[in-house]
C-alpha atoms as a PDB file:
ATOM      1  CA  MET A   1      97.472  52.783  96.564  1.00  0.00           C
ATOM      2  CA  GLU A   2      98.875  55.801  94.726  1.00  0.00           C
ATOM      3  CA  THR A   3     100.780  58.846  96.092  1.00  0.00           C
ATOM      4  CA  ILE A   4     100.633  61.838  93.839  1.00  0.00           C
ATOM      5  CA  ARG A   5     103.682  64.029  93.729  1.00  0.00           C
ATOM      6  CA  TYR A   6     103.061  67.366  92.252  1.00  0.00           C
ATOM      7  CA  GLU A   7     105.718  68.397  89.691  1.00  0.00           C
ATOM      8  CA  LYS A   8     104.754  71.997  90.411  1.00  0.00           C
ATOM      9  CA  PRO A   9     103.484  72.471  93.851  1.00  0.00           C
ATOM     10  CA  LEU A  10     100.038  74.233  94.329  1.00  0.00           C
ATOM     11  CA  ALA A  11     100.044  77.452  96.461  1.00  0.00           C
ATOM     12  CA  VAL A  12      97.679  76.895  99.347  1.00  0.00           C
ATOM     13  CA  GLU A  13      95.240  79.699 100.631  1.00  0.00           C
ATOM     14  CA  HIS A  14      93.699  78.952 104.206  1.00  0.00           C
ATOM     15  CA  LEU A  15      90.941  81.257 105.343  1.00  0.00           C
ATOM     16  CA  VAL A  16      88.971  80.934 108.527  1.00  0.00           C
ATOM     17  CA  PHE A  17      85.526  82.329 109.402  1.00  0.00           C
ATOM     18  CA  GLN A  18      83.193  82.209 112.125  1.00  0.00           C
ATOM     19  CA  VAL A  19      79.583  81.639 111.006  1.00  0.00           C
ATOM     20  CA  ASN A  20      76.413  81.378 113.053  1.00  0.00           C
ATOM     21  CA  PRO A  21      75.884  77.543 113.215  1.00  0.00           C
ATOM     22  CA  ASP A  22      72.242  78.033 112.519  1.00  0.00           C
ATOM     23  CA  ARG A  23      72.858  79.525 109.330  1.00  0.00           C
ATOM     24  CA  LEU A  24      75.788  77.463 108.211  1.00  0.00           C
ATOM     25  CA  ASP A  25      74.064  75.696 105.037  1.00  0.00           C
ATOM     26  CA  GLU A  26      73.065  79.012 103.931  1.00  0.00           C
ATOM     27  CA  TRP A  27      76.497  80.496 104.282  1.00  0.00           C
ATOM     28  CA  LEU A  28      78.035  77.484 102.449  1.00  0.00           C
ATOM     29  CA  ALA A  29      75.486  77.914  99.418  1.00  0.00           C
ATOM     30  CA  LEU A  30      76.451  81.560  99.122  1.00  0.00           C
ATOM     31  CA  ASP A  31      80.042  80.964  99.515  1.00  0.00           C
ATOM     32  CA  HIS A  32      79.998  78.343  96.817  1.00  0.00           C
ATOM     33  CA  GLU A  33      77.900  80.863  94.457  1.00  0.00           C
ATOM     34  CA  TYR A  34      80.132  83.845  95.133  1.00  0.00           C
ATOM     35  CA  TRP A  35      83.465  82.723  95.993  1.00  0.00           C
ATOM     36  CA  THR A  36      84.148  79.101  94.615  1.00  0.00           C
ATOM     37  CA  LEU A  37      82.089  79.586  91.430  1.00  0.00           C
ATOM     38  CA  GLY A  38      82.707  83.203  91.097  1.00  0.00           C
ATOM     39  CA  GLU A  39      86.749  82.973  91.563  1.00  0.00           C
ATOM     40  CA  ALA A  40      86.772  79.862  89.407  1.00  0.00           C
ATOM     41  CA  ARG A  41      85.215  81.799  86.582  1.00  0.00           C
ATOM     42  CA  ALA A  42      87.109  84.909  87.028  1.00  0.00           C
ATOM     43  CA  TRP A  43      90.600  83.364  87.887  1.00  0.00           C
ATOM     44  CA  PRO A  44      91.223  79.866  86.190  1.00  0.00           C
ATOM     45  CA  ALA A  45      94.386  79.550  88.379  1.00  0.00           C
ATOM     46  CA  LEU A  46      92.096  78.350  91.221  1.00  0.00           C
ATOM     47  CA  ARG A  47      92.439  74.488  90.936  1.00  0.00           C
ATOM     48  CA  ARG A  48      90.523  73.055  93.864  1.00  0.00           C
ATOM     49  CA  LYS A  49      88.755  74.155  97.219  1.00  0.00           C
ATOM     50  CA  GLU A  50      87.823  72.244 100.205  1.00  0.00           C
ATOM     51  CA  VAL A  51      85.571  73.593 103.011  1.00  0.00           C
ATOM     52  CA  TRP A  52      86.319  72.051 106.700  1.00  0.00           C
ATOM     53  CA  LEU A  53      84.329  72.556 109.894  1.00  0.00           C
ATOM     54  CA  ASN A  54      86.078  72.590 113.315  1.00  0.00           C
ATOM     55  CA  ALA A  55      84.180  70.026 115.293  1.00  0.00           C
ATOM     56  CA  ASN A  56      85.624  71.780 118.585  1.00  0.00           C
ATOM     57  CA  VAL A  57      84.386  75.156 117.727  1.00  0.00           C
ATOM     58  CA  PRO A  58      80.805  75.426 116.481  1.00  0.00           C
ATOM     59  CA  GLY A  59      80.658  77.446 113.119  1.00  0.00           C
ATOM     60  CA  GLU A  60      84.290  77.797 112.518  1.00  0.00           C
ATOM     61  CA  VAL A  61      84.842  77.333 108.961  1.00  0.00           C
ATOM     62  CA  HIS A  62      88.168  76.730 107.141  1.00  0.00           C
ATOM     63  CA  CYS A  63      88.418  77.293 103.322  1.00  0.00           C
ATOM     64  CA  ILE A  64      91.529  75.689 101.879  1.00  0.00           C
ATOM     65  CA  ILE A  65      91.931  76.955  98.276  1.00  0.00           C
ATOM     66  CA  TYR A  66      94.543  75.617  95.913  1.00  0.00           C
ATOM     67  CA  TRP A  67      96.084  77.674  93.327  1.00  0.00           C
ATOM     68  CA  ASP A  68      98.461  77.149  90.476  1.00  0.00           C
ATOM     69  CA  ASP A  69     100.963  79.203  92.064  1.00  0.00           C
ATOM     70  CA  TYR A  70     101.450  82.107  94.314  1.00  0.00           C
ATOM     71  CA  ASP A  71     101.809  84.665  91.539  1.00  0.00           C
ATOM     72  CA  ALA A  72      98.522  83.637  90.046  1.00  0.00           C
ATOM     73  CA  TRP A  73      96.832  83.827  93.286  1.00  0.00           C
ATOM     74  CA  MET A  74      98.153  87.241  93.979  1.00  0.00           C
ATOM     75  CA  ALA A  75      97.175  88.494  90.678  1.00  0.00           C
ATOM     76  CA  ILE A  76      93.481  88.501  91.544  1.00  0.00           C
ATOM     77  CA  ASP A  77      92.056  92.149  91.092  1.00  0.00           C
ATOM     78  CA  PRO A  78      91.427  93.710  94.343  1.00  0.00           C
ATOM     79  CA  ASP A  79      88.534  95.634  93.016  1.00  0.00           C
ATOM     80  CA  TRP A  80      86.912  92.281  92.130  1.00  0.00           C
ATOM     81  CA  LEU A  81      87.366  91.104  95.501  1.00  0.00           C
ATOM     82  CA  ALA A  82      86.065  94.092  97.276  1.00  0.00           C
ATOM     83  CA  GLU A  83      82.978  93.951  95.087  1.00  0.00           C
ATOM     84  CA  ASN A  84      82.372  90.337  95.629  1.00  0.00           C
ATOM     85  CA  GLU A  85      82.881  90.725  99.364  1.00  0.00           C
ATOM     86  CA  ARG A  86      80.274  93.742  99.450  1.00  0.00           C
ATOM     87  CA  GLN A  87      77.816  91.520  97.348  1.00  0.00           C
ATOM     88  CA  PHE A  88      78.234  88.433  99.559  1.00  0.00           C
ATOM     89  CA  ALA A  89      77.838  90.518 102.736  1.00  0.00           C
ATOM     90  CA  ALA A  90      74.598  92.156 101.322  1.00  0.00           C
ATOM     91  CA  HIS A  91      73.087  88.759 100.685  1.00  0.00           C
ATOM     92  CA  PHE A  92      74.105  86.974 103.835  1.00  0.00           C
ATOM     93  CA  GLY A  93      74.297  89.951 106.156  1.00  0.00           C
ATOM     94  CA  PRO A  94      77.443  90.886 108.045  1.00  0.00           C
ATOM     95  CA  ASP A  95      76.005  90.044 111.668  1.00  0.00           C
ATOM     96  CA  ASP A  96      76.003  86.136 111.229  1.00  0.00           C
ATOM     97  CA  PHE A  97      79.514  85.760 110.171  1.00  0.00           C
ATOM     98  CA  ARG A  98      83.132  87.166 110.441  1.00  0.00           C
ATOM     99  CA  PHE A  99      86.430  86.722 108.762  1.00  0.00           C
ATOM    100  CA  VAL A 100      88.912  85.304 111.418  1.00  0.00           C
ATOM    101  CA  ARG A 101      92.218  84.985 109.474  1.00  0.00           C
ATOM    102  CA  ALA A 102      94.053  84.379 106.340  1.00  0.00           C
ATOM    103  CA  ASP A 103      97.099  82.027 107.418  1.00  0.00           C
ATOM    104  CA  HIS A 104      99.382  83.594 104.508  1.00  0.00           C
ATOM    105  CA  GLU A 105      99.004  87.161 106.142  1.00  0.00           C
ATOM    106  CA  GLU A 106     100.104  85.517 109.355  1.00  0.00           C
ATOM    107  CA  GLY A 107     103.611  84.477 107.508  1.00  0.00           C
ATOM    108  CA  ASN A 108     102.259  80.840 106.774  1.00  0.00           C
ATOM    109  CA  LEU A 109     102.684  80.309 103.192  1.00  0.00           C
ATOM    110  CA  CYS A 110     102.137  76.598 102.210  1.00  0.00           C
ATOM    111  CA  TYR A 111     102.363  74.593  99.066  1.00  0.00           C
ATOM    112  CA  LYS A 112     100.794  71.266  98.359  1.00  0.00           C
ATOM    113  CA  ILE A 113     103.429  68.988  97.148  1.00  0.00           C
ATOM    114  CA  SER A 114     101.744  65.428  97.362  1.00  0.00           C
ATOM    115  CA  GLU A 115      98.586  63.665  98.160  1.00  0.00           C
ATOM    116  CA  PHE A 116      97.488  60.112  99.102  1.00  0.00           C
ATOM    117  CA  ASN A 117      93.955  58.924  98.497  1.00  0.00           C
ATOM    118  CA  ASN A 118      93.015  55.454 100.225  1.00  0.00           C
ATOM    119  CA  ALA A 119      90.120  54.897  98.051  1.00  0.00           C
ATOM    120  CA  GLY A 120      89.630  51.474  96.905  1.00  0.00           C
ATOM    121  CA  LEU A 121      91.751  49.676  99.448  1.00  0.00           C
END
């Protein structure tokens, strides 16, 4: 059993989307292609990404993204973001998903300071 304590906490971006549940697999594949891989290639400060599904709200997707630090995260070029959003929407279509919220825009700025993994017990 090991608890990892981060010497330098990771900035956490928490995004929420509502996706047509019938198209969830397609949305996940495009999200991975455009956002996960796209951001990782363009912005090496991206350390990790998790995608969660709310069991009580069909199609509610939570993207949890870990960044080296807040400044590196905020240094992402807004023009790159806008173009990536345009391309993603062009491939998926705007009618079957919508952006719900970004926790940091609501005053919730979190940092990952430790983790525990119970694997192997």
